[in-house]
């Protein structure tokens, strides 16, 4: 029942934001830019483990991985403005983002940042 609650609350949030985006992309962007999913993850992790060290480690990991995630928001509009198909642009943007994640993880390991 608990897992169902987690899934339902998370799904409701995503659907709500997508519905809001139909009316106001700015308001939807504000809601999406708030790290709501991260906050949910912190809450679920803490409820499941009661381990503040794990929550702290998750927070630091998310911080470092925000930077490569920004590649998606740069690449997607650039590719769309070039006239590429939406799904191709999205796929390429996601590929670029995955590559940026790989580079960031490599850099973090190289500099011994956990």
PDB file of N, CA and C in Angstrom:
ATOM      1  N   UNK A   1       0.829  -1.201   0.000  1.00  0.00           N
ATOM      2  CA  UNK A   1       0.000   0.000   0.000  1.00  0.00           C
ATOM      3  C   UNK A   1       0.873   1.264   0.000  1.00  0.00           C
ATOM      4  N   UNK A   2       1.963   1.224   0.766  1.00  0.00           N
ATOM      5  CA  UNK A   2       2.872   2.361   0.855  1.00  0.00           C
ATOM      6  C   UNK A   2       3.487   2.682  -0.515  1.00  0.00           C
ATOM      7  N   UNK A   3       3.928   1.649  -1.236  1.00  0.00           N
ATOM      8  CA  UNK A   3       4.510   1.865  -2.560  1.00  0.00           C
ATOM      9  C   UNK A   3       3.480   2.425  -3.534  1.00  0.00           C
ATOM     10  N   UNK A   4       2.273   1.969  -3.423  1.00  0.00           N
ATOM     11  CA  UNK A   4       1.204   2.491  -4.263  1.00  0.00           C
ATOM     12  C   UNK A   4       0.998   3.980  -3.981  1.00  0.00           C
ATOM     13  N   UNK A   5       1.031   4.371  -2.712  1.00  0.00           N
ATOM     14  CA  UNK A   5       0.903   5.781  -2.337  1.00  0.00           C
ATOM     15  C   UNK A   5       2.037   6.595  -2.960  1.00  0.00           C
ATOM     16  N   UNK A   6       3.263   6.095  -2.902  1.00  0.00           N
ATOM     17  CA  UNK A   6       4.404   6.801  -3.473  1.00  0.00           C
ATOM     18  C   UNK A   6       4.224   6.982  -4.978  1.00  0.00           C
ATOM     19  N   UNK A   7       3.819   5.928  -5.644  1.00  0.00           N
ATOM     20  CA  UNK A   7       3.640   5.983  -7.098  1.00  0.00           C
ATOM     21  C   UNK A   7       2.515   6.945  -7.461  1.00  0.00           C
ATOM     22  N   UNK A   8       1.405   6.873  -6.763  1.00  0.00           N
ATOM     23  CA  UNK A   8       0.252   7.720  -7.065  1.00  0.00           C
ATOM     24  C   UNK A   8       0.587   9.190  -6.836  1.00  0.00           C
ATOM     25  N   UNK A   9       1.193   9.519  -5.711  1.00  0.00           N
ATOM     26  CA  UNK A   9       1.538  10.925  -5.440  1.00  0.00           C
ATOM     27  C   UNK A   9       2.502  11.473  -6.483  1.00  0.00           C
ATOM     28  N   UNK A  10       3.492  10.688  -6.844  1.00  0.00           N
ATOM     29  CA  UNK A  10       4.465  11.124  -7.838  1.00  0.00           C
ATOM     30  C   UNK A  10       3.800  11.292  -9.204  1.00  0.00           C
ATOM     31  N   UNK A  11       2.966  10.337  -9.587  1.00  0.00           N
ATOM     32  CA  UNK A  11       2.266  10.414 -10.878  1.00  0.00           C
ATOM     33  C   UNK A  11       1.316  11.600 -10.921  1.00  0.00           C
ATOM     34  N   UNK A  12       0.612  11.847  -9.846  1.00  0.00           N
ATOM     35  CA  UNK A  12      -0.314  12.981  -9.791  1.00  0.00           C
ATOM     36  C   UNK A  12       0.451  14.288  -9.998  1.00  0.00           C
ATOM     37  N   UNK A  13       1.611  14.396  -9.398  1.00  0.00           N
ATOM     38  CA  UNK A  13       2.415  15.604  -9.566  1.00  0.00           C
ATOM     39  C   UNK A  13       2.803  15.805 -11.031  1.00  0.00           C
ATOM     40  N   UNK A  14       3.278  14.764 -11.681  1.00  0.00           N
ATOM     41  CA  UNK A  14       3.699  14.868 -13.081  1.00  0.00           C
ATOM     42  C   UNK A  14       2.519  15.226 -13.978  1.00  0.00           C
ATOM     43  N   UNK A  15       1.399  14.562 -13.796  1.00  0.00           N
ATOM     44  CA  UNK A  15       0.211  14.841 -14.616  1.00  0.00           C
ATOM     45  C   UNK A  15      -0.291  16.263 -14.362  1.00  0.00           C
ATOM     46  N   UNK A  16      -0.311  16.683 -13.116  1.00  0.00           N
ATOM     47  CA  UNK A  16      -0.762  18.040 -12.785  1.00  0.00           C
ATOM     48  C   UNK A  16       0.099  19.083 -13.476  1.00  0.00           C
ATOM     49  N   UNK A  17       1.414  18.903 -13.429  1.00  0.00           N
ATOM     50  CA  UNK A  17       2.303  19.875 -14.067  1.00  0.00           C
ATOM     51  C   UNK A  17       2.104  19.869 -15.577  1.00  0.00           C
ATOM     52  N   UNK A  18       1.924  18.699 -16.178  1.00  0.00           N
ATOM     53  CA  UNK A  18       1.715  18.670 -17.633  1.00  0.00           C
ATOM     54  C   UNK A  18       0.400  19.340 -18.017  1.00  0.00           C
ATOM     55  N   UNK A  19      -0.611  19.220 -17.185  1.00  0.00           N
ATOM     56  CA  UNK A  19      -1.887  19.895 -17.452  1.00  0.00           C
ATOM     57  C   UNK A  19      -1.744  21.405 -17.279  1.00  0.00           C
ATOM     58  N   UNK A  20      -1.019  21.834 -16.281  1.00  0.00           N
ATOM     59  CA  UNK A  20      -0.784  23.266 -16.068  1.00  0.00           C
ATOM     60  C   UNK A  20      -0.010  23.849 -17.248  1.00  0.00           C
ATOM     61  N   UNK A  21       0.931  23.073 -17.799  1.00  0.00           N
ATOM     62  CA  UNK A  21       1.742  23.545 -18.926  1.00  0.00           C
ATOM     63  C   UNK A  21       0.887  23.865 -20.149  1.00  0.00           C
ATOM     64  N   UNK A  22      -0.257  23.216 -20.284  1.00  0.00           N
ATOM     65  CA  UNK A  22      -1.144  23.511 -21.405  1.00  0.00           C
ATOM     66  C   UNK A  22      -1.678  24.937 -21.321  1.00  0.00           C
ATOM     67  N   UNK A  23      -1.781  25.458 -20.112  1.00  0.00           N
ATOM     68  CA  UNK A  23      -2.336  26.793 -19.899  1.00  0.00           C
ATOM     69  C   UNK A  23      -1.257  27.853 -19.673  1.00  0.00           C
ATOM     70  N   UNK A  24      -0.184  27.455 -18.976  1.00  0.00           N
ATOM     71  CA  UNK A  24       0.876  28.418 -18.676  1.00  0.00           C
ATOM     72  C   UNK A  24       2.212  27.682 -18.572  1.00  0.00           C
ATOM     73  N   UNK A  25       3.030  27.830 -19.613  1.00  0.00           N
ATOM     74  CA  UNK A  25       4.333  27.164 -19.567  1.00  0.00           C
ATOM     75  C   UNK A  25       5.218  27.769 -18.482  1.00  0.00           C
ATOM     76  N   UNK A  26       5.054  29.062 -18.221  1.00  0.00           N
ATOM     77  CA  UNK A  26       5.864  29.699 -17.177  1.00  0.00           C
ATOM     78  C   UNK A  26       5.545  29.116 -15.799  1.00  0.00           C
ATOM     79  N   UNK A  27       4.273  29.021 -15.465  1.00  0.00           N
ATOM     80  CA  UNK A  27       3.883  28.478 -14.155  1.00  0.00           C
ATOM     81  C   UNK A  27       4.305  27.012 -14.039  1.00  0.00           C
ATOM     82  N   UNK A  28       4.123  26.252 -15.115  1.00  0.00           N
ATOM     83  CA  UNK A  28       4.549  24.847 -15.102  1.00  0.00           C
ATOM     84  C   UNK A  28       6.062  24.746 -14.937  1.00  0.00           C
ATOM     85  N   UNK A  29       6.788  25.655 -15.599  1.00  0.00           N
ATOM     86  CA  UNK A  29       8.248  25.651 -15.479  1.00  0.00           C
ATOM     87  C   UNK A  29       8.677  25.971 -14.050  1.00  0.00           C
ATOM     88  N   UNK A  30       8.001  26.922 -13.425  1.00  0.00           N
ATOM     89  CA  UNK A  30       8.318  27.250 -12.027  1.00  0.00           C
ATOM     90  C   UNK A  30       8.091  26.028 -11.144  1.00  0.00           C
ATOM     91  N   UNK A  31       6.962  25.375 -11.321  1.00  0.00           N
ATOM     92  CA  UNK A  31       6.674  24.186 -10.513  1.00  0.00           C
ATOM     93  C   UNK A  31       7.667  23.055 -10.786  1.00  0.00           C
ATOM     94  N   UNK A  32       8.040  22.908 -12.034  1.00  0.00           N
ATOM     95  CA  UNK A  32       8.974  21.847 -12.395  1.00  0.00           C
ATOM     96  C   UNK A  32      10.387  22.159 -11.924  1.00  0.00           C
ATOM     97  N   UNK A  33      10.764  23.425 -11.947  1.00  0.00           N
ATOM     98  CA  UNK A  33      12.124  23.784 -11.548  1.00  0.00           C
ATOM     99  C   UNK A  33      12.349  23.648 -10.049  1.00  0.00           C
ATOM    100  N   UNK A  34      11.268  23.699  -9.293  1.00  0.00           N
ATOM    101  CA  UNK A  34      11.392  23.416  -7.860  1.00  0.00           C
ATOM    102  C   UNK A  34      11.753  21.933  -7.771  1.00  0.00           C
ATOM    103  N   UNK A  35      12.759  21.588  -7.050  1.00  0.00           N
ATOM    104  CA  UNK A  35      13.188  20.183  -7.050  1.00  0.00           C
ATOM    105  C   UNK A  35      12.217  19.270  -6.293  1.00  0.00           C
ATOM    106  N   UNK A  36      10.974  19.266  -6.755  1.00  0.00           N
ATOM    107  CA  UNK A  36       9.927  18.502  -6.087  1.00  0.00           C
ATOM    108  C   UNK A  36      10.242  17.011  -6.060  1.00  0.00           C
ATOM    109  N   UNK A  37      10.709  16.477  -7.176  1.00  0.00           N
ATOM    110  CA  UNK A  37      11.039  15.052  -7.214  1.00  0.00           C
ATOM    111  C   UNK A  37      12.157  14.739  -6.229  1.00  0.00           C
ATOM    112  N   UNK A  38      13.117  15.628  -6.133  1.00  0.00           N
ATOM    113  CA  UNK A  38      14.205  15.419  -5.171  1.00  0.00           C
ATOM    114  C   UNK A  38      13.663  15.450  -3.745  1.00  0.00           C
ATOM    115  N   UNK A  39      12.776  16.392  -3.473  1.00  0.00           N
ATOM    116  CA  UNK A  39      12.175  16.474  -2.137  1.00  0.00           C
ATOM    117  C   UNK A  39      11.395  15.205  -1.829  1.00  0.00           C
ATOM    118  N   UNK A  40      10.606  14.727  -2.809  1.00  0.00           N
ATOM    119  CA  UNK A  40       9.897  13.455  -2.612  1.00  0.00           C
ATOM    120  C   UNK A  40      10.888  12.329  -2.333  1.00  0.00           C
ATOM    121  N   UNK A  41      11.977  12.283  -3.111  1.00  0.00           N
ATOM    122  CA  UNK A  41      12.973  11.231  -2.910  1.00  0.00           C
ATOM    123  C   UNK A  41      13.575  11.314  -1.508  1.00  0.00           C
ATOM    124  N   UNK A  42      13.857  12.541  -1.038  1.00  0.00           N
ATOM    125  CA  UNK A  42      14.389  12.699   0.324  1.00  0.00           C
ATOM    126  C   UNK A  42      13.395  12.177   1.356  1.00  0.00           C
ATOM    127  N   UNK A  43      12.138  12.552   1.184  1.00  0.00           N
ATOM    128  CA  UNK A  43      11.099  12.128   2.134  1.00  0.00           C
ATOM    129  C   UNK A  43      10.948  10.613   2.122  1.00  0.00           C
ATOM    130  N   UNK A  44      10.816  10.028   0.906  1.00  0.00           N
ATOM    131  CA  UNK A  44      10.624   8.569   0.828  1.00  0.00           C
ATOM    132  C   UNK A  44      11.843   7.842   1.404  1.00  0.00           C
ATOM    133  N   UNK A  45      13.043   8.318   1.082  1.00  0.00           N
ATOM    134  CA  UNK A  45      14.256   7.677   1.597  1.00  0.00           C
ATOM    135  C   UNK A  45      14.311   7.764   3.110  1.00  0.00           C
ATOM    136  N   UNK A  46      13.990   8.924   3.656  1.00  0.00           N
ATOM    137  CA  UNK A  46      14.031   9.073   5.109  1.00  0.00           C
ATOM    138  C   UNK A  46      12.967   8.192   5.784  1.00  0.00           C
ATOM    139  N   UNK A  47      11.764   8.182   5.242  1.00  0.00           N
ATOM    140  CA  UNK A  47      10.709   7.339   5.814  1.00  0.00           C
ATOM    141  C   UNK A  47      11.123   5.871   5.772  1.00  0.00           C
ATOM    142  N   UNK A  48      11.729   5.463   4.641  1.00  0.00           N
ATOM    143  CA  UNK A  48      12.122   4.065   4.476  1.00  0.00           C
ATOM    144  C   UNK A  48      13.302   3.665   5.357  1.00  0.00           C
ATOM    145  N   UNK A  49      14.261   4.590   5.562  1.00  0.00           N
ATOM    146  CA  UNK A  49      15.514   4.209   6.235  1.00  0.00           C
ATOM    147  C   UNK A  49      15.763   4.916   7.565  1.00  0.00           C
ATOM    148  N   UNK A  50      15.152   6.072   7.777  1.00  0.00           N
ATOM    149  CA  UNK A  50      15.438   6.926   8.935  1.00  0.00           C
ATOM    150  C   UNK A  50      16.930   7.284   9.017  1.00  0.00           C
ATOM    151  N   UNK A  51      17.592   7.288   7.867  1.00  0.00           N
ATOM    152  CA  UNK A  51      19.040   7.503   7.802  1.00  0.00           C
ATOM    153  C   UNK A  51      19.337   8.864   7.164  1.00  0.00           C
ATOM    154  N   UNK A  52      19.667   9.850   7.999  1.00  0.00           N
ATOM    155  CA  UNK A  52      19.935  11.193   7.489  1.00  0.00           C
ATOM    156  C   UNK A  52      21.226  11.239   6.671  1.00  0.00           C
ATOM    157  N   UNK A  53      22.148  10.333   6.914  1.00  0.00           N
ATOM    158  CA  UNK A  53      23.378  10.283   6.123  1.00  0.00           C
ATOM    159  C   UNK A  53      23.066   9.906   4.673  1.00  0.00           C
ATOM    160  N   UNK A  54      22.151   8.966   4.482  1.00  0.00           N
ATOM    161  CA  UNK A  54      21.763   8.591   3.115  1.00  0.00           C
ATOM    162  C   UNK A  54      21.047   9.744   2.422  1.00  0.00           C
ATOM    163  N   UNK A  55      20.205  10.453   3.155  1.00  0.00           N
ATOM    164  CA  UNK A  55      19.514  11.611   2.582  1.00  0.00           C
ATOM    165  C   UNK A  55      20.536  12.674   2.201  1.00  0.00           C
ATOM    166  N   UNK A  56      21.503  12.912   3.074  1.00  0.00           N
ATOM    167  CA  UNK A  56      22.553  13.888   2.795  1.00  0.00           C
ATOM    168  C   UNK A  56      23.368  13.486   1.565  1.00  0.00           C
ATOM    169  N   UNK A  57      23.742  12.215   1.491  1.00  0.00           N
ATOM    170  CA  UNK A  57      24.518  11.730   0.345  1.00  0.00           C
ATOM    171  C   UNK A  57      23.718  11.864  -0.952  1.00  0.00           C
ATOM    172  N   UNK A  58      22.431  11.563  -0.900  1.00  0.00           N
ATOM    173  CA  UNK A  58      21.580  11.726  -2.079  1.00  0.00           C
ATOM    174  C   UNK A  58      21.537  13.185  -2.507  1.00  0.00           C
ATOM    175  N   UNK A  59      21.424  14.087  -1.557  1.00  0.00           N
ATOM    176  CA  UNK A  59      21.369  15.511  -1.860  1.00  0.00           C
ATOM    177  C   UNK A  59      22.652  15.981  -2.551  1.00  0.00           C
ATOM    178  N   UNK A  60      23.786  15.554  -2.043  1.00  0.00           N
ATOM    179  CA  UNK A  60      25.069  15.945  -2.649  1.00  0.00           C
ATOM    180  C   UNK A  60      25.190  15.352  -4.052  1.00  0.00           C
ATOM    181  N   UNK A  61      24.777  14.106  -4.227  1.00  0.00           N
ATOM    182  CA  UNK A  61      24.847  13.471  -5.547  1.00  0.00           C
ATOM    183  C   UNK A  61      23.959  14.207  -6.546  1.00  0.00           C
ATOM    184  N   UNK A  62      22.768  14.581  -6.112  1.00  0.00           N
ATOM    185  CA  UNK A  62      21.867  15.330  -6.991  1.00  0.00           C
ATOM    186  C   UNK A  62      22.496  16.658  -7.374  1.00  0.00           C
ATOM    187  N   UNK A  63      23.113  17.333  -6.408  1.00  0.00           N
ATOM    188  CA  UNK A  63      23.764  18.611  -6.693  1.00  0.00           C
ATOM    189  C   UNK A  63      24.747  18.474  -7.847  1.00  0.00           C
ATOM    190  N   UNK A  64      25.642  17.489  -7.774  1.00  0.00           N
ATOM    191  CA  UNK A  64      26.657  17.332  -8.813  1.00  0.00           C
ATOM    192  C   UNK A  64      26.054  16.951 -10.159  1.00  0.00           C
ATOM    193  N   UNK A  65      24.941  16.244 -10.144  1.00  0.00           N
ATOM    194  CA  UNK A  65      24.358  15.781 -11.406  1.00  0.00           C
ATOM    195  C   UNK A  65      23.357  16.764 -12.007  1.00  0.00           C
ATOM    196  N   UNK A  66      23.103  17.868 -11.327  1.00  0.00           N
ATOM    197  CA  UNK A  66      22.260  18.912 -11.915  1.00  0.00           C
ATOM    198  C   UNK A  66      22.969  19.542 -13.116  1.00  0.00           C
ATOM    199  N   UNK A  67      24.262  19.714 -13.016  1.00  0.00           N
ATOM    200  CA  UNK A  67      25.003  20.383 -14.091  1.00  0.00           C
ATOM    201  C   UNK A  67      24.890  19.649 -15.430  1.00  0.00           C
ATOM    202  N   UNK A  68      25.169  18.343 -15.495  1.00  0.00           N
ATOM    203  CA  UNK A  68      25.002  17.683 -16.796  1.00  0.00           C
ATOM    204  C   UNK A  68      23.536  17.606 -17.243  1.00  0.00           C
ATOM    205  N   UNK A  69      22.607  17.625 -16.306  1.00  0.00           N
ATOM    206  CA  UNK A  69      21.190  17.590 -16.670  1.00  0.00           C
ATOM    207  C   UNK A  69      20.790  18.844 -17.444  1.00  0.00           C
ATOM    208  N   UNK A  70      21.490  19.924 -17.218  1.00  0.00           N
ATOM    209  CA  UNK A  70      21.179  21.175 -17.919  1.00  0.00           C
ATOM    210  C   UNK A  70      21.415  21.063 -19.423  1.00  0.00           C
ATOM    211  N   UNK A  71      22.220  20.104 -19.842  1.00  0.00           N
ATOM    212  CA  UNK A  71      22.479  19.919 -21.274  1.00  0.00           C
ATOM    213  C   UNK A  71      21.184  19.670 -22.044  1.00  0.00           C
ATOM    214  N   UNK A  72      20.248  18.957 -21.430  1.00  0.00           N
ATOM    215  CA  UNK A  72      18.965  18.685 -22.084  1.00  0.00           C
ATOM    216  C   UNK A  72      18.242  19.989 -22.411  1.00  0.00           C
ATOM    217  N   UNK A  73      18.259  20.923 -21.478  1.00  0.00           N
ATOM    218  CA  UNK A  73      17.513  22.175 -21.641  1.00  0.00           C
ATOM    219  C   UNK A  73      18.206  23.146 -22.590  1.00  0.00           C
ATOM    220  N   UNK A  74      19.470  22.876 -22.885  1.00  0.00           N
ATOM    221  CA  UNK A  74      20.191  23.681 -23.883  1.00  0.00           C
ATOM    222  C   UNK A  74      20.034  23.042 -25.264  1.00  0.00           C
ATOM    223  N   UNK A  75      20.236  21.729 -25.325  1.00  0.00           N
ATOM    224  CA  UNK A  75      20.221  21.026 -26.617  1.00  0.00           C
ATOM    225  C   UNK A  75      18.829  20.969 -27.241  1.00  0.00           C
ATOM    226  N   UNK A  76      17.809  20.676 -26.452  1.00  0.00           N
ATOM    227  CA  UNK A  76      16.472  20.485 -27.022  1.00  0.00           C
ATOM    228  C   UNK A  76      15.979  21.710 -27.788  1.00  0.00           C
ATOM    229  N   UNK A  77      15.969  22.904 -27.206  1.00  0.00           N
ATOM    230  CA  UNK A  77      15.465  24.039 -27.995  1.00  0.00           C
ATOM    231  C   UNK A  77      16.347  24.358 -29.207  1.00  0.00           C
ATOM    232  N   UNK A  78      17.663  24.145 -29.082  1.00  0.00           N
ATOM    233  CA  UNK A  78      18.546  24.396 -30.227  1.00  0.00           C
ATOM    234  C   UNK A  78      18.231  23.451 -31.375  1.00  0.00           C
ATOM    235  N   UNK A  79      18.029  22.181 -31.071  1.00  0.00           N
ATOM    236  CA  UNK A  79      17.710  21.203 -32.114  1.00  0.00           C
ATOM    237  C   UNK A  79      16.331  21.471 -32.722  1.00  0.00           C
ATOM    238  N   UNK A  80      15.375  21.824 -31.890  1.00  0.00           N
ATOM    239  CA  UNK A  80      14.035  22.128 -32.403  1.00  0.00           C
ATOM    240  C   UNK A  80      14.059  23.356 -33.316  1.00  0.00           C
ATOM    241  N   UNK A  81      14.853  24.364 -32.940  1.00  0.00           N
ATOM    242  CA  UNK A  81      14.956  25.570 -33.774  1.00  0.00           C
ATOM    243  C   UNK A  81      15.631  25.290 -35.111  1.00  0.00           C
ATOM    244  N   UNK A  82      16.414  24.214 -35.166  1.00  0.00           N
ATOM    245  CA  UNK A  82      17.047  23.807 -36.420  1.00  0.00           C
ATOM    246  C   UNK A  82      16.067  23.071 -37.331  1.00  0.00           C
ATOM    247  N   UNK A  83      14.839  22.834 -36.825  1.00  0.00           N
ATOM    248  CA  UNK A  83      13.809  22.198 -37.630  1.00  0.00           C
ATOM    249  C   UNK A  83      13.774  20.682 -37.513  1.00  0.00           C
ATOM    250  N   UNK A  84      14.530  20.122 -36.588  1.00  0.00           N
ATOM    251  CA  UNK A  84      14.495  18.672 -36.404  1.00  0.00           C
ATOM    252  C   UNK A  84      13.167  18.249 -35.811  1.00  0.00           C
ATOM    253  N   UNK A  85      12.755  17.057 -36.153  1.00  0.00           N
ATOM    254  CA  UNK A  85      11.548  16.449 -35.612  1.00  0.00           C
ATOM    255  C   UNK A  85      11.629  16.440 -34.089  1.00  0.00           C
ATOM    256  N   UNK A  86      10.465  16.602 -33.421  1.00  0.00           N
ATOM    257  CA  UNK A  86      10.433  16.646 -31.952  1.00  0.00           C
ATOM    258  C   UNK A  86      11.072  15.414 -31.327  1.00  0.00           C
ATOM    259  N   UNK A  87      10.659  14.227 -31.776  1.00  0.00           N
ATOM    260  CA  UNK A  87      11.148  13.002 -31.145  1.00  0.00           C
ATOM    261  C   UNK A  87      12.638  12.792 -31.398  1.00  0.00           C
ATOM    262  N   UNK A  88      13.108  13.153 -32.578  1.00  0.00           N
ATOM    263  CA  UNK A  88      14.540  13.069 -32.873  1.00  0.00           C
ATOM    264  C   UNK A  88      15.305  14.055 -31.995  1.00  0.00           C
ATOM    265  N   UNK A  89      14.789  15.279 -31.889  1.00  0.00           N
ATOM    266  CA  UNK A  89      15.428  16.289 -31.040  1.00  0.00           C
ATOM    267  C   UNK A  89      15.480  15.841 -29.590  1.00  0.00           C
ATOM    268  N   UNK A  90      14.374  15.290 -29.113  1.00  0.00           N
ATOM    269  CA  UNK A  90      14.330  14.816 -27.734  1.00  0.00           C
ATOM    270  C   UNK A  90      15.315  13.667 -27.526  1.00  0.00           C
ATOM    271  N   UNK A  91      15.343  12.723 -28.460  1.00  0.00           N
ATOM    272  CA  UNK A  91      16.270  11.597 -28.353  1.00  0.00           C
ATOM    273  C   UNK A  91      17.723  12.041 -28.367  1.00  0.00           C
ATOM    274  N   UNK A  92      18.062  12.939 -29.294  1.00  0.00           N
ATOM    275  CA  UNK A  92      19.433  13.459 -29.349  1.00  0.00           C
ATOM    276  C   UNK A  92      19.781  14.233 -28.086  1.00  0.00           C
ATOM    277  N   UNK A  93      18.847  15.034 -27.599  1.00  0.00           N
ATOM    278  CA  UNK A  93      19.078  15.799 -26.372  1.00  0.00           C
ATOM    279  C   UNK A  93      19.317  14.869 -25.189  1.00  0.00           C
ATOM    280  N   UNK A  94      18.533  13.796 -25.125  1.00  0.00           N
ATOM    281  CA  UNK A  94      18.721  12.825 -24.049  1.00  0.00           C
ATOM    282  C   UNK A  94      20.073  12.127 -24.180  1.00  0.00           C
ATOM    283  N   UNK A  95      20.477  11.813 -25.410  1.00  0.00           N
ATOM    284  CA  UNK A  95      21.796  11.210 -25.628  1.00  0.00           C
ATOM    285  C   UNK A  95      22.921  12.134 -25.207  1.00  0.00           C
ATOM    286  N   UNK A  96      22.802  13.405 -25.557  1.00  0.00           N
ATOM    287  CA  UNK A  96      23.796  14.401 -25.146  1.00  0.00           C
ATOM    288  C   UNK A  96      23.848  14.482 -23.625  1.00  0.00           C
ATOM    289  N   UNK A  97      22.684  14.452 -22.997  1.00  0.00           N
ATOM    290  CA  UNK A  97      22.614  14.522 -21.540  1.00  0.00           C
ATOM    291  C   UNK A  97      23.278  13.302 -20.904  1.00  0.00           C
ATOM    292  N   UNK A  98      23.014  12.125 -21.452  1.00  0.00           N
ATOM    293  CA  UNK A  98      23.646  10.899 -20.931  1.00  0.00           C
ATOM    294  C   UNK A  98      25.165  11.006 -21.066  1.00  0.00           C
ATOM    295  N   UNK A  99      25.635  11.518 -22.206  1.00  0.00           N
ATOM    296  CA  UNK A  99      27.076  11.688 -22.392  1.00  0.00           C
ATOM    297  C   UNK A  99      27.639  12.674 -21.358  1.00  0.00           C
ATOM    298  N   UNK A 100      26.906  13.743 -21.097  1.00  0.00           N
ATOM    299  CA  UNK A 100      27.349  14.714 -20.083  1.00  0.00           C
ATOM    300  C   UNK A 100      27.378  14.093 -18.689  1.00  0.00           C
ATOM    301  N   UNK A 101      26.387  13.228 -18.397  1.00  0.00           N
ATOM    302  CA  UNK A 101      26.408  12.508 -17.119  1.00  0.00           C
ATOM    303  C   UNK A 101      27.670  11.655 -17.020  1.00  0.00           C
ATOM    304  N   UNK A 102      27.985  10.952 -18.098  1.00  0.00           N
ATOM    305  CA  UNK A 102      29.190  10.119 -18.102  1.00  0.00           C
ATOM    306  C   UNK A 102      30.444  10.935 -17.855  1.00  0.00           C
ATOM    307  N   UNK A 103      30.527  12.087 -18.529  1.00  0.00           N
ATOM    308  CA  UNK A 103      31.685  12.965 -18.331  1.00  0.00           C
ATOM    309  C   UNK A 103      31.762  13.479 -16.888  1.00  0.00           C
ATOM    310  N   UNK A 104      30.606  13.833 -16.322  1.00  0.00           N
ATOM    311  CA  UNK A 104      30.597  14.335 -14.950  1.00  0.00           C
ATOM    312  C   UNK A 104      31.004  13.234 -13.968  1.00  0.00           C
ATOM    313  N   UNK A 105      30.484  12.038 -14.154  1.00  0.00           N
ATOM    314  CA  UNK A 105      30.835  10.932 -13.261  1.00  0.00           C
ATOM    315  C   UNK A 105      32.330  10.629 -13.371  1.00  0.00           C
ATOM    316  N   UNK A 106      32.853  10.647 -14.593  1.00  0.00           N
ATOM    317  CA  UNK A 106      34.289  10.454 -14.781  1.00  0.00           C
ATOM    318  C   UNK A 106      35.078  11.539 -14.047  1.00  0.00           C
ATOM    319  N   UNK A 107      34.663  12.795 -14.211  1.00  0.00           N
ATOM    320  CA  UNK A 107      35.364  13.915 -13.555  1.00  0.00           C
ATOM    321  C   UNK A 107      35.289  13.802 -12.038  1.00  0.00           C
ATOM    322  N   UNK A 108      34.133  13.443 -11.517  1.00  0.00           N
ATOM    323  CA  UNK A 108      33.988  13.305 -10.062  1.00  0.00           C
ATOM    324  C   UNK A 108      34.903  12.205  -9.525  1.00  0.00           C
ATOM    325  N   UNK A 109      34.972  11.084 -10.241  1.00  0.00           N
ATOM    326  CA  UNK A 109      35.864   9.999  -9.821  1.00  0.00           C
ATOM    327  C   UNK A 109      37.317  10.433  -9.929  1.00  0.00           C
ATOM    328  N   UNK A 110      37.653  11.139 -10.998  1.00  0.00           N
ATOM    329  CA  UNK A 110      39.026  11.591 -11.201  1.00  0.00           C
ATOM    330  C   UNK A 110      39.493  12.481 -10.055  1.00  0.00           C
ATOM    331  N   UNK A 111      38.603  13.340  -9.582  1.00  0.00           N
ATOM    332  CA  UNK A 111      38.939  14.251  -8.490  1.00  0.00           C
ATOM    333  C   UNK A 111      38.553  13.694  -7.114  1.00  0.00           C
ATOM    334  N   UNK A 112      38.229  12.400  -7.063  1.00  0.00           N
ATOM    335  CA  UNK A 112      37.882  11.708  -5.808  1.00  0.00           C
ATOM    336  C   UNK A 112      36.738  12.384  -5.055  1.00  0.00           C
ATOM    337  N   UNK A 113      35.724  12.790  -5.793  1.00  0.00           N
ATOM    338  CA  UNK A 113      34.522  13.370  -5.176  1.00  0.00           C
ATOM    339  C   UNK A 113      33.458  12.293  -5.184  1.00  0.00           C
ATOM    340  N   UNK A 114      32.977  11.946  -3.990  1.00  0.00           N
ATOM    341  CA  UNK A 114      31.955  10.891  -3.872  1.00  0.00           C
ATOM    342  C   UNK A 114      30.591  11.475  -3.730  1.00  0.00           C
TER     343      UNK A 114
END
